[in-house]
Amino acid sequence: MAMSLCDDTLLCNYPKCRAKLSGFAWVTACSHVFCDQHGSGEFSRSPAICPACSSALSGKLDIVRTELSPSEEYKAMVLAGLRPDVVLDISSRALAFWSYQVYQEHMYQEYSLSRAEVQLKQMDKVLTQQNQSRELELTGMRGEIASLKKVSRKS
């Protein structure tokens, strides 16, 4: 389930979770995002530590629980009244967050692929060794059959 730039689904960054996020999510200042379950579990402790990178999250806005599909009313008002440079700054930071998430997912997929390739090579090696020993066994048995046939012809 690779994530591309046009894919609008973030994945939970909690180790081994990787659930597709919807509803509410927890976003950290270190650019990680967590499902509601893991976010509320992890960030109820103090001081909060990011489960993805172990950063200390002690600032007031270091962790934010956010609605991933905000209402039209919220979208209409959230940046209203801010100067265009501030709006662009906020937007560029939000896009940087997304590109970091996409990059992180790409690295994860590459890592998974290389691990799978290593496992495949190991299995191939084992299979080759097994085939060679079966081949030797088979050759030995053919020899035994041939000598048994010779013995039975003589008697």
N, C-alpha and C. Protein backbone atom coordinates (compact mmCIF):
# COMPACT_ATOMS: atom_id res chain seq x y z
N MET A 1 0.84 -1.19 0.00
CA MET A 1 0.00 0.00 0.00
C MET A 1 0.88 1.25 0.00
N ALA A 2 1.56 1.47 -1.08
CA ALA A 2 2.47 2.61 -1.20
C ALA A 2 1.66 3.90 -1.23
N MET A 3 2.24 4.95 -0.69
CA MET A 3 1.58 6.24 -0.66
C MET A 3 2.23 7.13 -1.70
N SER A 4 1.43 7.74 -2.54
CA SER A 4 1.97 8.68 -3.52
C SER A 4 1.49 10.08 -3.16
N LEU A 5 2.01 11.07 -3.84
CA LEU A 5 1.65 12.45 -3.52
C LEU A 5 0.16 12.71 -3.73
N CYS A 6 -0.47 11.97 -4.67
CA CYS A 6 -1.89 12.21 -4.91
C CYS A 6 -2.76 11.38 -3.98
N ASP A 7 -2.16 10.43 -3.26
CA ASP A 7 -2.89 9.63 -2.29
C ASP A 7 -3.14 10.54 -1.08
N ASP A 8 -4.41 10.66 -0.67
CA ASP A 8 -4.71 11.60 0.41
C ASP A 8 -4.86 10.90 1.75
N THR A 9 -4.18 9.77 1.94
CA THR A 9 -4.28 9.05 3.21
C THR A 9 -2.92 8.97 3.89
N LEU A 10 -2.86 9.49 5.10
CA LEU A 10 -1.64 9.34 5.90
C LEU A 10 -1.72 8.01 6.63
N LEU A 11 -0.55 7.46 6.99
CA LEU A 11 -0.50 6.23 7.77
C LEU A 11 0.04 6.53 9.16
N CYS A 12 -0.47 5.83 10.16
CA CYS A 12 0.00 6.02 11.53
C CYS A 12 1.49 5.69 11.60
N ASN A 13 2.29 6.58 12.21
CA ASN A 13 3.72 6.38 12.33
C ASN A 13 4.12 5.56 13.56
N TYR A 14 3.12 5.06 14.31
CA TYR A 14 3.42 4.23 15.47
C TYR A 14 4.02 2.93 14.97
N PRO A 15 5.16 2.49 15.56
CA PRO A 15 5.78 1.26 15.07
C PRO A 15 4.79 0.10 15.04
N LYS A 16 4.72 -0.58 13.93
CA LYS A 16 3.86 -1.75 13.70
C LYS A 16 2.37 -1.43 13.56
N CYS A 17 1.94 -0.18 13.63
CA CYS A 17 0.52 0.12 13.45
C CYS A 17 0.23 0.35 11.96
N ARG A 18 0.72 1.46 11.43
CA ARG A 18 0.59 1.80 10.01
C ARG A 18 -0.85 1.80 9.50
N ALA A 19 -1.81 2.07 10.39
CA ALA A 19 -3.21 2.15 9.97
C ALA A 19 -3.42 3.40 9.13
N LYS A 20 -4.36 3.30 8.16
CA LYS A 20 -4.72 4.49 7.37
C LYS A 20 -5.49 5.41 8.31
N LEU A 21 -5.14 6.69 8.30
CA LEU A 21 -5.73 7.62 9.25
C LEU A 21 -7.00 8.27 8.70
N SER A 22 -7.98 8.38 9.57
CA SER A 22 -9.21 9.10 9.24
C SER A 22 -9.77 9.62 10.56
N GLY A 23 -10.71 10.54 10.45
CA GLY A 23 -11.28 11.13 11.67
C GLY A 23 -10.28 12.07 12.32
N PHE A 24 -9.80 11.69 13.50
CA PHE A 24 -8.83 12.53 14.21
C PHE A 24 -7.46 11.86 14.19
N ALA A 25 -6.42 12.68 14.21
CA ALA A 25 -5.05 12.17 14.28
C ALA A 25 -4.23 13.10 15.16
N TRP A 26 -3.13 12.58 15.66
CA TRP A 26 -2.22 13.36 16.50
C TRP A 26 -0.98 13.69 15.67
N VAL A 27 -0.66 14.97 15.58
CA VAL A 27 0.48 15.44 14.79
C VAL A 27 1.50 16.03 15.75
N THR A 28 2.79 15.72 15.51
CA THR A 28 3.84 16.21 16.40
C THR A 28 4.71 17.25 15.72
N ALA A 29 5.42 18.03 16.52
CA ALA A 29 6.34 19.05 16.01
C ALA A 29 7.51 18.41 15.25
N CYS A 30 7.77 17.12 15.48
CA CYS A 30 8.86 16.42 14.78
C CYS A 30 8.36 15.78 13.48
N SER A 31 7.17 16.21 13.02
CA SER A 31 6.59 15.78 11.74
C SER A 31 6.15 14.32 11.69
N HIS A 32 5.63 13.82 12.82
CA HIS A 32 5.06 12.47 12.82
C HIS A 32 3.57 12.57 13.07
N VAL A 33 2.86 11.54 12.69
CA VAL A 33 1.39 11.54 12.83
C VAL A 33 0.96 10.16 13.34
N PHE A 34 -0.04 10.17 14.22
CA PHE A 34 -0.47 8.94 14.87
C PHE A 34 -1.99 8.83 14.86
N CYS A 35 -2.47 7.59 14.82
CA CYS A 35 -3.91 7.36 14.90
C CYS A 35 -4.40 7.83 16.27
N ASP A 36 -5.70 8.02 16.37
CA ASP A 36 -6.27 8.54 17.61
C ASP A 36 -5.96 7.63 18.79
N GLN A 37 -6.03 6.30 18.56
CA GLN A 37 -5.78 5.33 19.63
C GLN A 37 -4.35 5.46 20.17
N HIS A 38 -3.35 5.40 19.29
CA HIS A 38 -1.97 5.46 19.76
C HIS A 38 -1.59 6.86 20.24
N GLY A 39 -2.13 7.88 19.61
CA GLY A 39 -1.85 9.25 20.04
C GLY A 39 -2.36 9.51 21.44
N SER A 40 -3.62 9.17 21.70
CA SER A 40 -4.16 9.45 23.05
C SER A 40 -3.48 8.59 24.10
N GLY A 41 -3.07 7.37 23.73
CA GLY A 41 -2.36 6.51 24.67
C GLY A 41 -0.98 7.03 25.00
N GLU A 42 -0.22 7.42 23.97
CA GLU A 42 1.17 7.85 24.15
C GLU A 42 1.29 9.24 24.77
N PHE A 43 0.42 10.15 24.35
CA PHE A 43 0.61 11.55 24.72
C PHE A 43 -0.15 11.96 25.98
N SER A 44 -0.72 10.96 26.68
CA SER A 44 -1.38 11.27 27.96
C SER A 44 -0.31 11.36 29.05
N ARG A 45 0.87 10.76 28.78
CA ARG A 45 1.98 10.79 29.74
C ARG A 45 2.71 12.12 29.68
N SER A 46 3.40 12.42 30.77
CA SER A 46 4.21 13.62 30.79
C SER A 46 5.57 13.30 31.38
N PRO A 47 6.69 13.70 30.78
CA PRO A 47 6.73 14.41 29.49
C PRO A 47 6.44 13.46 28.33
N ALA A 48 5.84 13.99 27.28
CA ALA A 48 5.51 13.17 26.12
C ALA A 48 6.75 12.95 25.27
N ILE A 49 6.88 11.73 24.75
CA ILE A 49 8.00 11.34 23.89
C ILE A 49 7.40 10.82 22.59
N CYS A 50 7.96 11.23 21.46
CA CYS A 50 7.46 10.73 20.17
C CYS A 50 7.82 9.25 20.02
N PRO A 51 6.81 8.38 19.79
CA PRO A 51 7.08 6.96 19.64
C PRO A 51 7.83 6.62 18.35
N ALA A 52 7.87 7.56 17.40
CA ALA A 52 8.54 7.29 16.12
C ALA A 52 10.02 7.67 16.16
N CYS A 53 10.36 8.78 16.84
CA CYS A 53 11.76 9.25 16.81
C CYS A 53 12.34 9.56 18.18
N SER A 54 11.56 9.36 19.24
CA SER A 54 11.98 9.60 20.63
C SER A 54 12.26 11.05 20.98
N SER A 55 11.78 11.99 20.16
CA SER A 55 11.92 13.42 20.51
C SER A 55 11.07 13.74 21.73
N ALA A 56 11.59 14.63 22.58
CA ALA A 56 10.80 15.11 23.72
C ALA A 56 9.83 16.17 23.20
N LEU A 57 8.56 16.04 23.57
CA LEU A 57 7.53 16.96 23.09
C LEU A 57 6.97 17.72 24.29
N SER A 58 7.67 18.78 24.68
CA SER A 58 7.28 19.47 25.91
C SER A 58 6.59 20.81 25.66
N GLY A 59 6.69 21.34 24.44
CA GLY A 59 6.07 22.63 24.14
C GLY A 59 4.56 22.53 24.07
N LYS A 60 3.88 23.66 24.28
CA LYS A 60 2.41 23.70 24.30
C LYS A 60 1.83 23.19 22.98
N LEU A 61 2.48 23.51 21.85
CA LEU A 61 1.96 23.08 20.55
C LEU A 61 2.83 22.01 19.89
N ASP A 62 3.59 21.25 20.69
CA ASP A 62 4.42 20.17 20.14
C ASP A 62 3.59 18.97 19.69
N ILE A 63 2.39 18.85 20.28
CA ILE A 63 1.47 17.77 19.90
C ILE A 63 0.09 18.40 19.71
N VAL A 64 -0.52 18.12 18.56
CA VAL A 64 -1.84 18.66 18.30
C VAL A 64 -2.75 17.53 17.81
N ARG A 65 -3.92 17.43 18.42
CA ARG A 65 -4.92 16.48 17.92
C ARG A 65 -5.72 17.23 16.88
N THR A 66 -5.73 16.72 15.66
CA THR A 66 -6.34 17.46 14.57
C THR A 66 -7.40 16.64 13.85
N GLU A 67 -8.41 17.33 13.34
CA GLU A 67 -9.46 16.68 12.56
C GLU A 67 -8.98 16.63 11.12
N LEU A 68 -8.91 15.43 10.55
CA LEU A 68 -8.33 15.27 9.21
C LEU A 68 -9.26 15.74 8.09
N SER A 69 -10.56 15.76 8.36
CA SER A 69 -11.52 16.27 7.36
C SER A 69 -12.37 17.35 8.02
N PRO A 70 -11.77 18.54 8.19
CA PRO A 70 -12.50 19.61 8.90
C PRO A 70 -13.71 20.10 8.10
N SER A 71 -14.64 20.70 8.81
CA SER A 71 -15.87 21.20 8.18
C SER A 71 -15.55 22.39 7.28
N GLU A 72 -16.48 22.69 6.38
CA GLU A 72 -16.34 23.86 5.49
C GLU A 72 -16.26 25.15 6.31
N GLU A 73 -17.04 25.20 7.40
CA GLU A 73 -17.04 26.39 8.26
C GLU A 73 -15.65 26.61 8.86
N TYR A 74 -15.03 25.55 9.33
CA TYR A 74 -13.69 25.64 9.92
C TYR A 74 -12.69 26.11 8.86
N LYS A 75 -12.75 25.48 7.67
CA LYS A 75 -11.81 25.85 6.60
C LYS A 75 -11.99 27.31 6.18
N ALA A 76 -13.23 27.79 6.22
CA ALA A 76 -13.51 29.17 5.82
C ALA A 76 -12.90 30.17 6.81
N MET A 77 -12.76 29.75 8.08
CA MET A 77 -12.37 30.70 9.12
C MET A 77 -10.95 30.54 9.66
N VAL A 78 -10.36 29.35 9.56
CA VAL A 78 -9.12 29.06 10.28
C VAL A 78 -7.97 30.02 9.92
N LEU A 79 -7.86 30.42 8.66
CA LEU A 79 -6.78 31.34 8.27
C LEU A 79 -7.28 32.75 7.96
N ALA A 80 -8.59 32.95 8.15
CA ALA A 80 -9.17 34.27 7.84
C ALA A 80 -8.53 35.34 8.71
N GLY A 81 -8.20 36.46 8.11
CA GLY A 81 -7.63 37.57 8.85
C GLY A 81 -6.11 37.55 8.92
N LEU A 82 -5.49 36.44 8.53
CA LEU A 82 -4.03 36.37 8.56
C LEU A 82 -3.46 36.98 7.28
N ARG A 83 -2.28 37.58 7.41
CA ARG A 83 -1.63 38.18 6.24
C ARG A 83 -1.27 37.09 5.23
N PRO A 84 -1.26 37.43 3.93
CA PRO A 84 -0.93 36.42 2.91
C PRO A 84 0.42 35.71 3.17
N ASP A 85 1.43 36.44 3.66
CA ASP A 85 2.73 35.78 3.91
C ASP A 85 2.61 34.74 5.02
N VAL A 86 1.76 35.01 6.01
CA VAL A 86 1.55 34.04 7.09
C VAL A 86 0.79 32.83 6.56
N VAL A 87 -0.23 33.07 5.74
CA VAL A 87 -1.01 31.98 5.14
C VAL A 87 -0.08 31.10 4.30
N LEU A 88 0.80 31.71 3.50
CA LEU A 88 1.73 30.95 2.67
C LEU A 88 2.74 30.19 3.52
N ASP A 89 3.19 30.80 4.60
CA ASP A 89 4.14 30.14 5.50
C ASP A 89 3.50 28.89 6.10
N ILE A 90 2.27 29.04 6.60
CA ILE A 90 1.55 27.91 7.18
C ILE A 90 1.35 26.82 6.13
N SER A 91 0.94 27.23 4.93
CA SER A 91 0.70 26.26 3.84
C SER A 91 1.98 25.53 3.48
N SER A 92 3.10 26.24 3.39
CA SER A 92 4.35 25.58 3.01
C SER A 92 4.81 24.61 4.09
N ARG A 93 4.57 24.94 5.35
CA ARG A 93 4.92 24.01 6.43
C ARG A 93 4.04 22.76 6.38
N ALA A 94 2.75 22.95 6.06
CA ALA A 94 1.83 21.81 5.96
C ALA A 94 2.24 20.91 4.79
N LEU A 95 2.66 21.51 3.67
CA LEU A 95 3.11 20.72 2.52
C LEU A 95 4.43 20.02 2.82
N ALA A 96 5.31 20.66 3.57
CA ALA A 96 6.58 20.03 3.97
C ALA A 96 6.30 18.80 4.85
N PHE A 97 5.30 18.91 5.72
CA PHE A 97 4.90 17.78 6.55
C PHE A 97 4.48 16.61 5.66
N TRP A 98 3.63 16.90 4.67
CA TRP A 98 3.16 15.85 3.75
C TRP A 98 4.32 15.24 2.99
N SER A 99 5.22 16.06 2.48
CA SER A 99 6.32 15.49 1.68
C SER A 99 7.23 14.64 2.56
N TYR A 100 7.39 15.02 3.83
CA TYR A 100 8.17 14.20 4.76
C TYR A 100 7.49 12.85 4.98
N GLN A 101 6.17 12.86 5.15
CA GLN A 101 5.43 11.62 5.33
C GLN A 101 5.55 10.71 4.09
N VAL A 102 5.46 11.31 2.90
CA VAL A 102 5.57 10.54 1.66
C VAL A 102 6.99 9.96 1.54
N TYR A 103 7.99 10.77 1.87
CA TYR A 103 9.39 10.33 1.82
C TYR A 103 9.61 9.16 2.80
N GLN A 104 9.07 9.32 4.01
CA GLN A 104 9.21 8.30 5.04
C GLN A 104 8.57 6.98 4.59
N GLU A 105 7.40 7.06 3.97
CA GLU A 105 6.71 5.88 3.47
C GLU A 105 7.53 5.23 2.35
N HIS A 106 8.10 6.05 1.48
CA HIS A 106 8.94 5.55 0.39
C HIS A 106 10.14 4.78 0.96
N MET A 107 10.78 5.34 1.98
CA MET A 107 11.93 4.69 2.61
C MET A 107 11.50 3.37 3.26
N TYR A 108 10.34 3.36 3.90
CA TYR A 108 9.82 2.15 4.54
C TYR A 108 9.59 1.06 3.49
N GLN A 109 8.97 1.44 2.37
CA GLN A 109 8.68 0.47 1.31
C GLN A 109 9.99 -0.08 0.72
N GLU A 110 10.99 0.78 0.53
CA GLU A 110 12.29 0.33 0.01
C GLU A 110 12.95 -0.64 0.98
N TYR A 111 12.89 -0.32 2.27
CA TYR A 111 13.46 -1.19 3.32
C TYR A 111 12.77 -2.55 3.30
N SER A 112 11.43 -2.54 3.24
CA SER A 112 10.66 -3.78 3.21
C SER A 112 11.03 -4.61 1.98
N LEU A 113 11.19 -3.94 0.85
CA LEU A 113 11.55 -4.64 -0.39
C LEU A 113 12.93 -5.27 -0.27
N SER A 114 13.89 -4.55 0.27
CA SER A 114 15.25 -5.11 0.38
C SER A 114 15.27 -6.29 1.36
N ARG A 115 14.49 -6.21 2.44
CA ARG A 115 14.40 -7.33 3.37
C ARG A 115 13.78 -8.55 2.69
N ALA A 116 12.75 -8.32 1.89
CA ALA A 116 12.09 -9.42 1.18
C ALA A 116 13.05 -10.06 0.18
N GLU A 117 13.86 -9.22 -0.48
CA GLU A 117 14.83 -9.74 -1.45
C GLU A 117 15.88 -10.60 -0.76
N VAL A 118 16.36 -10.19 0.42
CA VAL A 118 17.34 -10.97 1.18
C VAL A 118 16.72 -12.32 1.57
N GLN A 119 15.48 -12.29 2.06
CA GLN A 119 14.80 -13.53 2.45
C GLN A 119 14.64 -14.45 1.24
N LEU A 120 14.30 -13.87 0.10
CA LEU A 120 14.13 -14.65 -1.12
C LEU A 120 15.43 -15.32 -1.53
N LYS A 121 16.55 -14.59 -1.45
CA LYS A 121 17.86 -15.16 -1.78
C LYS A 121 18.20 -16.31 -0.84
N GLN A 122 17.93 -16.15 0.47
CA GLN A 122 18.21 -17.20 1.45
C GLN A 122 17.37 -18.45 1.15
N MET A 123 16.08 -18.24 0.85
CA MET A 123 15.20 -19.37 0.55
C MET A 123 15.65 -20.08 -0.73
N ASP A 124 16.09 -19.30 -1.71
CA ASP A 124 16.57 -19.85 -2.97
C ASP A 124 17.81 -20.73 -2.73
N LYS A 125 18.70 -20.26 -1.86
CA LYS A 125 19.92 -20.99 -1.51
C LYS A 125 19.56 -22.33 -0.85
N VAL A 126 18.64 -22.28 0.12
CA VAL A 126 18.20 -23.49 0.83
C VAL A 126 17.58 -24.48 -0.17
N LEU A 127 16.74 -23.96 -1.05
CA LEU A 127 16.08 -24.80 -2.04
C LEU A 127 17.11 -25.46 -2.96
N THR A 128 18.09 -24.70 -3.41
CA THR A 128 19.15 -25.23 -4.27
C THR A 128 19.91 -26.35 -3.55
N GLN A 129 20.26 -26.12 -2.28
CA GLN A 129 20.98 -27.14 -1.48
C GLN A 129 20.13 -28.40 -1.34
N GLN A 130 18.84 -28.22 -1.05
CA GLN A 130 17.93 -29.37 -0.89
C GLN A 130 17.84 -30.15 -2.20
N ASN A 131 17.73 -29.42 -3.32
CA ASN A 131 17.65 -30.08 -4.63
C ASN A 131 18.92 -30.87 -4.93
N GLN A 132 20.08 -30.28 -4.58
CA GLN A 132 21.35 -30.98 -4.82
C GLN A 132 21.43 -32.27 -4.00
N SER A 133 21.03 -32.20 -2.72
CA SER A 133 21.10 -33.41 -1.90
C SER A 133 20.09 -34.46 -2.36
N ARG A 134 18.88 -34.04 -2.82
CA ARG A 134 17.90 -34.98 -3.38
C ARG A 134 18.47 -35.63 -4.64
N GLU A 135 19.14 -34.84 -5.45
CA GLU A 135 19.75 -35.33 -6.70
C GLU A 135 20.80 -36.40 -6.38
N LEU A 136 21.63 -36.14 -5.36
CA LEU A 136 22.65 -37.12 -4.94
C LEU A 136 21.99 -38.41 -4.44
N GLU A 137 20.94 -38.22 -3.62
CA GLU A 137 20.19 -39.37 -3.08
C GLU A 137 19.62 -40.20 -4.21
N LEU A 138 19.03 -39.51 -5.18
CA LEU A 138 18.41 -40.16 -6.32
C LEU A 138 19.45 -40.95 -7.13
N THR A 139 20.60 -40.34 -7.38
CA THR A 139 21.69 -40.99 -8.11
C THR A 139 22.13 -42.25 -7.37
N GLY A 140 22.27 -42.15 -6.05
CA GLY A 140 22.64 -43.29 -5.22
C GLY A 140 21.63 -44.42 -5.32
N MET A 141 20.35 -44.06 -5.26
CA MET A 141 19.28 -45.07 -5.33
C MET A 141 19.26 -45.73 -6.71
N ARG A 142 19.47 -44.96 -7.77
CA ARG A 142 19.51 -45.52 -9.13
C ARG A 142 20.64 -46.55 -9.23
N GLY A 143 21.78 -46.20 -8.61
CA GLY A 143 22.92 -47.13 -8.59
C GLY A 143 22.57 -48.41 -7.87
N GLU A 144 21.91 -48.26 -6.71
CA GLU A 144 21.49 -49.45 -5.94
C GLU A 144 20.54 -50.32 -6.74
N ILE A 145 19.57 -49.70 -7.41
CA ILE A 145 18.59 -50.44 -8.22
C ILE A 145 19.32 -51.20 -9.32
N ALA A 146 20.25 -50.53 -9.99
CA ALA A 146 21.00 -51.17 -11.09
C ALA A 146 21.77 -52.38 -10.57
N SER A 147 22.43 -52.25 -9.41
CA SER A 147 23.20 -53.39 -8.89
C SER A 147 22.29 -54.50 -8.39
N LEU A 148 21.10 -54.14 -7.84
CA LEU A 148 20.13 -55.17 -7.42
C LEU A 148 19.61 -55.94 -8.63
N LYS A 149 19.39 -55.21 -9.75
CA LYS A 149 18.93 -55.87 -10.99
C LYS A 149 19.97 -56.88 -11.47
N LYS A 150 21.25 -56.45 -11.41
CA LYS A 150 22.35 -57.35 -11.84
C LYS A 150 22.35 -58.61 -10.99
N VAL A 151 22.23 -58.43 -9.65
CA VAL A 151 22.24 -59.56 -8.71
C VAL A 151 21.06 -60.49 -9.00
N SER A 152 19.88 -59.91 -9.23
CA SER A 152 18.68 -60.73 -9.46
C SER A 152 18.75 -61.48 -10.81
N ARG A 153 19.45 -60.93 -11.81
CA ARG A 153 19.60 -61.60 -13.10
C ARG A 153 20.51 -62.84 -12.96
N LYS A 154 21.51 -62.70 -12.09
CA LYS A 154 22.47 -63.79 -11.91
C LYS A 154 21.83 -65.00 -11.22
N SER A 155 20.86 -64.74 -10.33
CA SER A 155 20.30 -65.87 -9.57
C SER A 155 19.12 -66.53 -10.23
